[in-house]
Amino acid sequence: VLAVEALAGLHGPSWCDPVWLDLPTIVMPKPGDEAAAKG
């Protein structure tokens, strides 16, 4: 339960915030177009 609540606390405040697209060193690829976002 603690783990799941922590997941919500991690993703909830950041959900759909465009600021994360500007993080320079994020490892996971950021969708650059509609096809990538759909994937």
PDB file of all heavy atoms in Angstrom:
ATOM      1  N   VAL A   1       0.838  -1.201   0.000  1.00  0.00           N
ATOM      2  CA  VAL A   1       0.000   0.000   0.000  1.00  0.00           C
ATOM      3  C   VAL A   1       0.876   1.255   0.000  1.00  0.00           C
ATOM      4  O   VAL A   1       0.612   2.215  -0.733  1.00  0.00           O
ATOM      5  CB  VAL A   1      -0.951   0.000   1.213  1.00  0.00           C
ATOM      6  CG1 VAL A   1      -1.637   1.357   1.361  1.00  0.00           C
ATOM      7  CG2 VAL A   1      -2.004  -1.092   1.055  1.00  0.00           C
ATOM      8  N   LEU A   2       1.918   1.252   0.807  1.00  0.00           N
ATOM      9  CA  LEU A   2       2.830   2.396   0.840  1.00  0.00           C
ATOM     10  C   LEU A   2       3.467   2.636  -0.528  1.00  0.00           C
ATOM     11  O   LEU A   2       3.627   3.779  -0.963  1.00  0.00           O
ATOM     12  CB  LEU A   2       3.920   2.166   1.890  1.00  0.00           C
ATOM     13  CG  LEU A   2       3.486   2.230   3.357  1.00  0.00           C
ATOM     14  CD1 LEU A   2       4.643   1.809   4.259  1.00  0.00           C
ATOM     15  CD2 LEU A   2       3.014   3.621   3.722  1.00  0.00           C
ATOM     16  N   ALA A   3       3.828   1.541  -1.214  1.00  0.00           N
ATOM     17  CA  ALA A   3       4.452   1.674  -2.534  1.00  0.00           C
ATOM     18  C   ALA A   3       3.483   2.283  -3.536  1.00  0.00           C
ATOM     19  O   ALA A   3       3.848   3.180  -4.319  1.00  0.00           O
ATOM     20  CB  ALA A   3       4.936   0.311  -3.016  1.00  0.00           C
ATOM     21  N   VAL A   4       2.234   1.823  -3.525  1.00  0.00           N
ATOM     22  CA  VAL A   4       1.242   2.340  -4.473  1.00  0.00           C
ATOM     23  C   VAL A   4       0.928   3.807  -4.169  1.00  0.00           C
ATOM     24  O   VAL A   4       0.794   4.637  -5.075  1.00  0.00           O
ATOM     25  CB  VAL A   4      -0.035   1.483  -4.431  1.00  0.00           C
ATOM     26  CG1 VAL A   4      -1.140   2.114  -5.284  1.00  0.00           C
ATOM     27  CG2 VAL A   4       0.269   0.070  -4.928  1.00  0.00           C
ATOM     28  N   GLU A   5       0.819   4.149  -2.892  1.00  0.00           N
ATOM     29  CA  GLU A   5       0.572   5.547  -2.528  1.00  0.00           C
ATOM     30  C   GLU A   5       1.743   6.440  -2.945  1.00  0.00           C
ATOM     31  O   GLU A   5       1.540   7.590  -3.363  1.00  0.00           O
ATOM     32  CB  GLU A   5       0.331   5.648  -1.023  1.00  0.00           C
ATOM     33  CG  GLU A   5      -0.997   5.052  -0.598  1.00  0.00           C
ATOM     34  CD  GLU A   5      -1.198   5.048   0.910  1.00  0.00           C
ATOM     35  OE1 GLU A   5      -0.211   5.283   1.647  1.00  0.00           O
ATOM     36  OE2 GLU A   5      -2.339   4.809   1.353  1.00  0.00           O
ATOM     37  N   ALA A   6       2.958   5.897  -2.852  1.00  0.00           N
ATOM     38  CA  ALA A   6       4.129   6.670  -3.295  1.00  0.00           C
ATOM     39  C   ALA A   6       4.104   6.880  -4.801  1.00  0.00           C
ATOM     40  O   ALA A   6       4.490   7.950  -5.299  1.00  0.00           O
ATOM     41  CB  ALA A   6       5.408   5.969  -2.869  1.00  0.00           C
ATOM     42  N   LEU A   7       3.638   5.880  -5.553  1.00  0.00           N
ATOM     43  CA  LEU A   7       3.521   6.044  -7.002  1.00  0.00           C
ATOM     44  C   LEU A   7       2.562   7.183  -7.338  1.00  0.00           C
ATOM     45  O   LEU A   7       2.830   7.986  -8.240  1.00  0.00           O
ATOM     46  CB  LEU A   7       3.023   4.743  -7.635  1.00  0.00           C
ATOM     47  CG  LEU A   7       4.049   3.627  -7.814  1.00  0.00           C
ATOM     48  CD1 LEU A   7       3.366   2.360  -8.297  1.00  0.00           C
ATOM     49  CD2 LEU A   7       5.139   4.042  -8.787  1.00  0.00           C
ATOM     50  N   ALA A   8       1.448   7.246  -6.606  1.00  0.00           N
ATOM     51  CA  ALA A   8       0.500   8.339  -6.836  1.00  0.00           C
ATOM     52  C   ALA A   8       1.133   9.678  -6.494  1.00  0.00           C
ATOM     53  O   ALA A   8       0.940  10.674  -7.200  1.00  0.00           O
ATOM     54  CB  ALA A   8      -0.757   8.108  -5.993  1.00  0.00           C
ATOM     55  N   GLY A   9       1.910   9.710  -5.414  1.00  0.00           N
ATOM     56  CA  GLY A   9       2.569  10.951  -5.020  1.00  0.00           C
ATOM     57  C   GLY A   9       3.659  11.380  -5.973  1.00  0.00           C
ATOM     58  O   GLY A   9       4.003  12.559  -6.066  1.00  0.00           O
ATOM     59  N   LEU A  10       4.205  10.411  -6.702  1.00  0.00           N
ATOM     60  CA  LEU A  10       5.236  10.723  -7.697  1.00  0.00           C
ATOM     61  C   LEU A  10       4.609  11.256  -8.985  1.00  0.00           C
ATOM     62  O   LEU A  10       5.043  12.270  -9.532  1.00  0.00           O
ATOM     63  CB  LEU A  10       6.066   9.468  -7.988  1.00  0.00           C
ATOM     64  CG  LEU A  10       7.106   9.588  -9.103  1.00  0.00           C
ATOM     65  CD1 LEU A  10       8.204  10.590  -8.723  1.00  0.00           C
ATOM     66  CD2 LEU A  10       7.712   8.228  -9.418  1.00  0.00           C
ATOM     67  N   HIS A  11       3.573  10.571  -9.465  1.00  0.00           N
ATOM     68  CA  HIS A  11       3.016  10.916 -10.770  1.00  0.00           C
ATOM     69  C   HIS A  11       1.929  11.982 -10.707  1.00  0.00           C
ATOM     70  O   HIS A  11       1.793  12.774 -11.650  1.00  0.00           O
ATOM     71  CB  HIS A  11       2.457   9.654 -11.435  1.00  0.00           C
ATOM     72  CG  HIS A  11       3.511   8.663 -11.817  1.00  0.00           C
ATOM     73  ND1 HIS A  11       4.398   8.879 -12.847  1.00  0.00           N
ATOM     74  CD2 HIS A  11       3.843   7.463 -11.271  1.00  0.00           C
ATOM     75  CE1 HIS A  11       5.220   7.850 -12.940  1.00  0.00           C
ATOM     76  NE2 HIS A  11       4.914   6.979 -11.996  1.00  0.00           N
ATOM     77  N   GLY A  12       1.157  12.015  -9.611  1.00  0.00           N
ATOM     78  CA  GLY A  12       0.056  12.959  -9.533  1.00  0.00           C
ATOM     79  C   GLY A  12       0.464  14.414  -9.713  1.00  0.00           C
ATOM     80  O   GLY A  12      -0.065  15.115 -10.588  1.00  0.00           O
ATOM     81  N   PRO A  13       1.415  14.919  -8.922  1.00  0.00           N
ATOM     82  CA  PRO A  13       1.777  16.339  -9.034  1.00  0.00           C
ATOM     83  C   PRO A  13       2.436  16.704 -10.360  1.00  0.00           C
ATOM     84  O   PRO A  13       2.502  17.887 -10.710  1.00  0.00           O
ATOM     85  CB  PRO A  13       2.768  16.539  -7.874  1.00  0.00           C
ATOM     86  CG  PRO A  13       2.484  15.417  -6.924  1.00  0.00           C
ATOM     87  CD  PRO A  13       2.092  14.270  -7.780  1.00  0.00           C
ATOM     88  N   SER A  14       2.920  15.696 -11.086  1.00  0.00           N
ATOM     89  CA  SER A  14       3.655  15.994 -12.320  1.00  0.00           C
ATOM     90  C   SER A  14       2.862  15.686 -13.577  1.00  0.00           C
ATOM     91  O   SER A  14       3.343  15.912 -14.689  1.00  0.00           O
ATOM     92  CB  SER A  14       4.956  15.180 -12.343  1.00  0.00           C
ATOM     93  OG  SER A  14       4.681  13.778 -12.338  1.00  0.00           O
ATOM     94  N   TRP A  15       1.630  15.206 -13.408  1.00  0.00           N
ATOM     95  CA  TRP A  15       0.868  14.698 -14.550  1.00  0.00           C
ATOM     96  C   TRP A  15       0.610  15.784 -15.588  1.00  0.00           C
ATOM     97  O   TRP A  15       0.075  16.839 -15.298  1.00  0.00           O
ATOM     98  CB  TRP A  15      -0.456  14.112 -14.061  1.00  0.00           C
ATOM     99  CG  TRP A  15      -1.142  13.250 -15.083  1.00  0.00           C
ATOM    100  CD1 TRP A  15      -2.217  13.578 -15.843  1.00  0.00           C
ATOM    101  CD2 TRP A  15      -0.791  11.918 -15.443  1.00  0.00           C
ATOM    102  NE1 TRP A  15      -2.575  12.538 -16.660  1.00  0.00           N
ATOM    103  CE2 TRP A  15      -1.710  11.491 -16.433  1.00  0.00           C
ATOM    104  CE3 TRP A  15       0.208  11.035 -15.031  1.00  0.00           C
ATOM    105  CZ2 TRP A  15      -1.645  10.228 -17.021  1.00  0.00           C
ATOM    106  CZ3 TRP A  15       0.271   9.777 -15.602  1.00  0.00           C
ATOM    107  CH2 TRP A  15      -0.652   9.388 -16.584  1.00  0.00           C
ATOM    108  N   CYS A  16       1.024  15.523 -16.821  1.00  0.00           N
ATOM    109  CA  CYS A  16       0.785  16.409 -17.982  1.00  0.00           C
ATOM    110  C   CYS A  16       1.432  17.787 -17.837  1.00  0.00           C
ATOM    111  O   CYS A  16       1.037  18.729 -18.541  1.00  0.00           O
ATOM    112  CB  CYS A  16      -0.716  16.564 -18.243  1.00  0.00           C
ATOM    113  SG  CYS A  16      -1.511  15.048 -18.824  1.00  0.00           S
ATOM    114  N   ASP A  17       2.385  17.932 -16.948  1.00  0.00           N
ATOM    115  CA  ASP A  17       3.076  19.214 -16.809  1.00  0.00           C
ATOM    116  C   ASP A  17       4.142  19.317 -17.897  1.00  0.00           C
ATOM    117  O   ASP A  17       5.075  18.498 -17.932  1.00  0.00           O
ATOM    118  CB  ASP A  17       3.732  19.316 -15.427  1.00  0.00           C
ATOM    119  CG  ASP A  17       4.247  20.719 -15.131  1.00  0.00           C
ATOM    120  OD1 ASP A  17       4.532  21.464 -16.087  1.00  0.00           O
ATOM    121  OD2 ASP A  17       4.371  21.066 -13.937  1.00  0.00           O
ATOM    122  N   PRO A  18       4.038  20.283 -18.790  1.00  0.00           N
ATOM    123  CA  PRO A  18       4.996  20.372 -19.907  1.00  0.00           C
ATOM    124  C   PRO A  18       6.423  20.672 -19.477  1.00  0.00           C
ATOM    125  O   PRO A  18       7.348  20.525 -20.281  1.00  0.00           O
ATOM    126  CB  PRO A  18       4.436  21.516 -20.770  1.00  0.00           C
ATOM    127  CG  PRO A  18       3.603  22.322 -19.823  1.00  0.00           C
ATOM    128  CD  PRO A  18       3.022  21.342 -18.858  1.00  0.00           C
ATOM    129  N   VAL A  19       6.625  21.071 -18.215  1.00  0.00           N
ATOM    130  CA  VAL A  19       7.975  21.397 -17.772  1.00  0.00           C
ATOM    131  C   VAL A  19       8.897  20.188 -17.877  1.00  0.00           C
ATOM    132  O   VAL A  19      10.100  20.328 -18.105  1.00  0.00           O
ATOM    133  CB  VAL A  19       7.956  21.918 -16.312  1.00  0.00           C
ATOM    134  CG1 VAL A  19       7.596  20.799 -15.331  1.00  0.00           C
ATOM    135  CG2 VAL A  19       9.309  22.526 -15.939  1.00  0.00           C
ATOM    136  N   TRP A  20       8.333  18.980 -17.782  1.00  0.00           N
ATOM    137  CA  TRP A  20       9.172  17.781 -17.813  1.00  0.00           C
ATOM    138  C   TRP A  20       9.751  17.527 -19.200  1.00  0.00           C
ATOM    139  O   TRP A  20      10.741  16.814 -19.344  1.00  0.00           O
ATOM    140  CB  TRP A  20       8.373  16.561 -17.351  1.00  0.00           C
ATOM    141  CG  TRP A  20       7.682  16.791 -16.042  1.00  0.00           C
ATOM    142  CD1 TRP A  20       6.346  16.716 -15.781  1.00  0.00           C
ATOM    143  CD2 TRP A  20       8.293  17.178 -14.798  1.00  0.00           C
ATOM    144  NE1 TRP A  20       6.083  17.021 -14.470  1.00  0.00           N
ATOM    145  CE2 TRP A  20       7.266  17.314 -13.845  1.00  0.00           C
ATOM    146  CE3 TRP A  20       9.608  17.421 -14.396  1.00  0.00           C
ATOM    147  CZ2 TRP A  20       7.500  17.681 -12.526  1.00  0.00           C
ATOM    148  CZ3 TRP A  20       9.852  17.789 -13.082  1.00  0.00           C
ATOM    149  CH2 TRP A  20       8.806  17.919 -12.171  1.00  0.00           C
ATOM    150  N   LEU A  21       9.132  18.100 -20.218  1.00  0.00           N
ATOM    151  CA  LEU A  21       9.666  17.941 -21.567  1.00  0.00           C
ATOM    152  C   LEU A  21      10.989  18.681 -21.748  1.00  0.00           C
ATOM    153  O   LEU A  21      11.724  18.426 -22.697  1.00  0.00           O
ATOM    154  CB  LEU A  21       8.650  18.443 -22.598  1.00  0.00           C
ATOM    155  CG  LEU A  21       7.325  17.672 -22.656  1.00  0.00           C
ATOM    156  CD1 LEU A  21       6.377  18.358 -23.640  1.00  0.00           C
ATOM    157  CD2 LEU A  21       7.548  16.225 -23.054  1.00  0.00           C
ATOM    158  N   ASP A  22      11.276  19.604 -20.834  1.00  0.00           N
ATOM    159  CA  ASP A  22      12.492  20.408 -20.957  1.00  0.00           C
ATOM    160  C   ASP A  22      13.640  19.903 -20.090  1.00  0.00           C
ATOM    161  O   ASP A  22      14.713  20.502 -20.076  1.00  0.00           O
ATOM    162  CB  ASP A  22      12.194  21.870 -20.591  1.00  0.00           C
ATOM    163  CG  ASP A  22      11.191  22.508 -21.538  1.00  0.00           C
ATOM    164  OD1 ASP A  22      11.212  22.150 -22.733  1.00  0.00           O
ATOM    165  OD2 ASP A  22      10.385  23.345 -21.086  1.00  0.00           O
ATOM    166  N   LEU A  23      13.428  18.816 -19.351  1.00  0.00           N
ATOM    167  CA  LEU A  23      14.527  18.281 -18.547  1.00  0.00           C
ATOM    168  C   LEU A  23      15.615  17.771 -19.486  1.00  0.00           C
ATOM    169  O   LEU A  23      15.375  16.914 -20.329  1.00  0.00           O
ATOM    170  CB  LEU A  23      14.037  17.134 -17.660  1.00  0.00           C
ATOM    171  CG  LEU A  23      13.112  17.519 -16.495  1.00  0.00           C
ATOM    172  CD1 LEU A  23      12.699  16.276 -15.732  1.00  0.00           C
ATOM    173  CD2 LEU A  23      13.795  18.504 -15.566  1.00  0.00           C
ATOM    174  N   PRO A  24      16.839  18.271 -19.358  1.00  0.00           N
ATOM    175  CA  PRO A  24      17.875  17.937 -20.337  1.00  0.00           C
ATOM    176  C   PRO A  24      18.424  16.525 -20.233  1.00  0.00           C
ATOM    177  O   PRO A  24      18.924  15.983 -21.221  1.00  0.00           O
ATOM    178  CB  PRO A  24      18.975  18.968 -20.052  1.00  0.00           C
ATOM    179  CG  PRO A  24      18.777  19.343 -18.624  1.00  0.00           C
ATOM    180  CD  PRO A  24      17.291  19.277 -18.383  1.00  0.00           C
ATOM    181  N   THR A  25      18.350  15.902 -19.062  1.00  0.00           N
ATOM    182  CA  THR A  25      19.042  14.619 -18.911  1.00  0.00           C
ATOM    183  C   THR A  25      18.096  13.458 -18.648  1.00  0.00           C
ATOM    184  O   THR A  25      18.511  12.413 -18.174  1.00  0.00           O
ATOM    185  CB  THR A  25      20.069  14.684 -17.766  1.00  0.00           C
ATOM    186  OG1 THR A  25      19.386  14.989 -16.532  1.00  0.00           O
ATOM    187  CG2 THR A  25      21.113  15.746 -18.029  1.00  0.00           C
ATOM    188  N   ILE A  26      16.809  13.612 -18.960  1.00  0.00           N
ATOM    189  CA  ILE A  26      15.884  12.506 -18.776  1.00  0.00           C
ATOM    190  C   ILE A  26      16.274  11.364 -19.710  1.00  0.00           C
ATOM    191  O   ILE A  26      16.612  11.572 -20.869  1.00  0.00           O
ATOM    192  CB  ILE A  26      14.437  12.964 -19.034  1.00  0.00           C
ATOM    193  CG1 ILE A  26      13.442  11.892 -18.596  1.00  0.00           C
ATOM    194  CG2 ILE A  26      14.223  13.343 -20.478  1.00  0.00           C
ATOM    195  CD1 ILE A  26      12.006  12.375 -18.566  1.00  0.00           C
ATOM    196  N   VAL A  27      16.280  10.135 -19.175  1.00  0.00           N
ATOM    197  CA  VAL A  27      16.759   9.002 -19.957  1.00  0.00           C
ATOM    198  C   VAL A  27      15.705   8.495 -20.930  1.00  0.00           C
ATOM    199  O   VAL A  27      15.982   8.223 -22.094  1.00  0.00           O
ATOM    200  CB  VAL A  27      17.198   7.864 -19.016  1.00  0.00           C
ATOM    201  CG1 VAL A  27      17.518   6.610 -19.807  1.00  0.00           C
ATOM    202  CG2 VAL A  27      18.421   8.293 -18.218  1.00  0.00           C
ATOM    203  N   MET A  28      14.461   8.333 -20.445  1.00  0.00           N
ATOM    204  CA  MET A  28      13.422   7.807 -21.327  1.00  0.00           C
ATOM    205  C   MET A  28      13.166   8.786 -22.471  1.00  0.00           C
ATOM    206  O   MET A  28      13.117   9.997 -22.260  1.00  0.00           O
ATOM    207  CB  MET A  28      12.131   7.592 -20.540  1.00  0.00           C
ATOM    208  CG  MET A  28      12.205   6.469 -19.535  1.00  0.00           C
ATOM    209  SD  MET A  28      12.431   4.859 -20.322  1.00  0.00           S
ATOM    210  CE  MET A  28      10.858   4.646 -21.129  1.00  0.00           C
ATOM    211  N   PRO A  29      13.003   8.272 -23.680  1.00  0.00           N
ATOM    212  CA  PRO A  29      12.751   9.173 -24.816  1.00  0.00           C
ATOM    213  C   PRO A  29      11.431   9.907 -24.655  1.00  0.00           C
ATOM    214  O   PRO A  29      10.449   9.338 -24.201  1.00  0.00           O
ATOM    215  CB  PRO A  29      12.723   8.216 -26.021  1.00  0.00           C
ATOM    216  CG  PRO A  29      12.369   6.885 -25.434  1.00  0.00           C
ATOM    217  CD  PRO A  29      13.016   6.863 -24.079  1.00  0.00           C
ATOM    218  N   LYS A  30      11.438  11.175 -25.037  1.00  0.00           N
ATOM    219  CA  LYS A  30      10.217  11.975 -24.979  1.00  0.00           C
ATOM    220  C   LYS A  30       9.552  11.957 -26.352  1.00  0.00           C
ATOM    221  O   LYS A  30      10.234  12.114 -27.370  1.00  0.00           O
ATOM    222  CB  LYS A  30      10.577  13.414 -24.569  1.00  0.00           C
ATOM    223  CG  LYS A  30      11.017  13.532 -23.120  1.00  0.00           C
ATOM    224  CD  LYS A  30      11.606  14.894 -22.805  1.00  0.00           C
ATOM    225  CE  LYS A  30      13.038  14.989 -23.264  1.00  0.00           C
ATOM    226  NZ  LYS A  30      13.746  16.176 -22.765  1.00  0.00           N
ATOM    227  N   PRO A  31       8.243  11.747 -26.400  1.00  0.00           N
ATOM    228  CA  PRO A  31       7.575  11.661 -27.713  1.00  0.00           C
ATOM    229  C   PRO A  31       7.716  12.960 -28.481  1.00  0.00           C
ATOM    230  O   PRO A  31       7.299  14.012 -28.021  1.00  0.00           O
ATOM    231  CB  PRO A  31       6.113  11.372 -27.350  1.00  0.00           C
ATOM    232  CG  PRO A  31       5.964  11.824 -25.928  1.00  0.00           C
ATOM    233  CD  PRO A  31       7.295  11.603 -25.288  1.00  0.00           C
ATOM    234  N   GLY A  32       8.316  12.856 -29.656  1.00  0.00           N
ATOM    235  CA  GLY A  32       8.541  14.055 -30.451  1.00  0.00           C
ATOM    236  C   GLY A  32       7.444  14.321 -31.458  1.00  0.00           C
ATOM    237  O   GLY A  32       7.388  15.382 -32.068  1.00  0.00           O
ATOM    238  N   ASP A  33       6.559  13.340 -31.679  1.00  0.00           N
ATOM    239  CA  ASP A  33       5.464  13.532 -32.623  1.00  0.00           C
ATOM    240  C   ASP A  33       4.275  12.687 -32.178  1.00  0.00           C
ATOM    241  O   ASP A  33       4.319  11.960 -31.195  1.00  0.00           O
ATOM    242  CB  ASP A  33       5.893  13.162 -34.043  1.00  0.00           C
ATOM    243  CG  ASP A  33       6.512  11.767 -34.107  1.00  0.00           C
ATOM    244  OD1 ASP A  33       6.021  10.854 -33.400  1.00  0.00           O
ATOM    245  OD2 ASP A  33       7.489  11.584 -34.863  1.00  0.00           O
ATOM    246  N   GLU A  34       3.185  12.776 -32.943  1.00  0.00           N
ATOM    247  CA  GLU A  34       1.956  12.089 -32.562  1.00  0.00           C
ATOM    248  C   GLU A  34       2.125  10.576 -32.557  1.00  0.00           C
ATOM    249  O   GLU A  34       1.591   9.866 -31.693  1.00  0.00           O
ATOM    250  CB  GLU A  34       0.839  12.491 -33.528  1.00  0.00           C
ATOM    251  CG  GLU A  34      -0.529  11.931 -33.146  1.00  0.00           C
ATOM    252  CD  GLU A  34      -1.636  12.440 -34.048  1.00  0.00           C
ATOM    253  OE1 GLU A  34      -1.396  13.447 -34.746  1.00  0.00           O
ATOM    254  OE2 GLU A  34      -2.723  11.833 -34.051  1.00  0.00           O
ATOM    255  N   ALA A  35       2.883  10.043 -33.501  1.00  0.00           N
ATOM    256  CA  ALA A  35       3.071   8.598 -33.579  1.00  0.00           C
ATOM    257  C   ALA A  35       3.828   8.077 -32.363  1.00  0.00           C
ATOM    258  O   ALA A  35       3.489   7.024 -31.805  1.00  0.00           O
ATOM    259  CB  ALA A  35       3.823   8.245 -34.864  1.00  0.00           C
ATOM    260  N   ALA A  36       4.862   8.811 -31.942  1.00  0.00           N
ATOM    261  CA  ALA A  36       5.631   8.397 -30.773  1.00  0.00           C
ATOM    262  C   ALA A  36       4.782   8.459 -29.515  1.00  0.00           C
ATOM    263  O   ALA A  36       4.846   7.581 -28.653  1.00  0.00           O
ATOM    264  CB  ALA A  36       6.872   9.279 -30.625  1.00  0.00           C
ATOM    265  N   ALA A  37       3.965   9.512 -29.412  1.00  0.00           N
ATOM    266  CA  ALA A  37       3.080   9.642 -28.253  1.00  0.00           C
ATOM    267  C   ALA A  37       2.068   8.500 -28.218  1.00  0.00           C
ATOM    268  O   ALA A  37       1.773   7.943 -27.157  1.00  0.00           O
ATOM    269  CB  ALA A  37       2.366  10.993 -28.295  1.00  0.00           C
ATOM    270  N   LYS A  38       1.535   8.125 -29.383  1.00  0.00           N
ATOM    271  CA  LYS A  38       0.588   7.016 -29.440  1.00  0.00           C
ATOM    272  C   LYS A  38       1.260   5.715 -29.024  1.00  0.00           C
ATOM    273  O   LYS A  38       0.663   4.874 -28.337  1.00  0.00           O
ATOM    274  CB  LYS A  38       0.017   6.877 -30.844  1.00  0.00           C
ATOM    275  CG  LYS A  38      -1.021   5.754 -30.958  1.00  0.00           C
ATOM    276  CD  LYS A  38      -1.559   5.637 -32.372  1.00  0.00           C
ATOM    277  CE  LYS A  38      -2.644   4.550 -32.441  1.00  0.00           C
ATOM    278  NZ  LYS A  38      -2.134   3.240 -31.994  1.00  0.00           N
ATOM    279  N   GLY A  39       2.531   5.549 -29.411  1.00  0.00           N
ATOM    280  CA  GLY A  39       3.254   4.343 -29.033  1.00  0.00           C
ATOM    281  C   GLY A  39       3.387   4.204 -27.531  1.00  0.00           C
ATOM    282  O   GLY A  39       3.157   3.123 -26.969  1.00  0.00           O
TER     283      GLY A  39
END
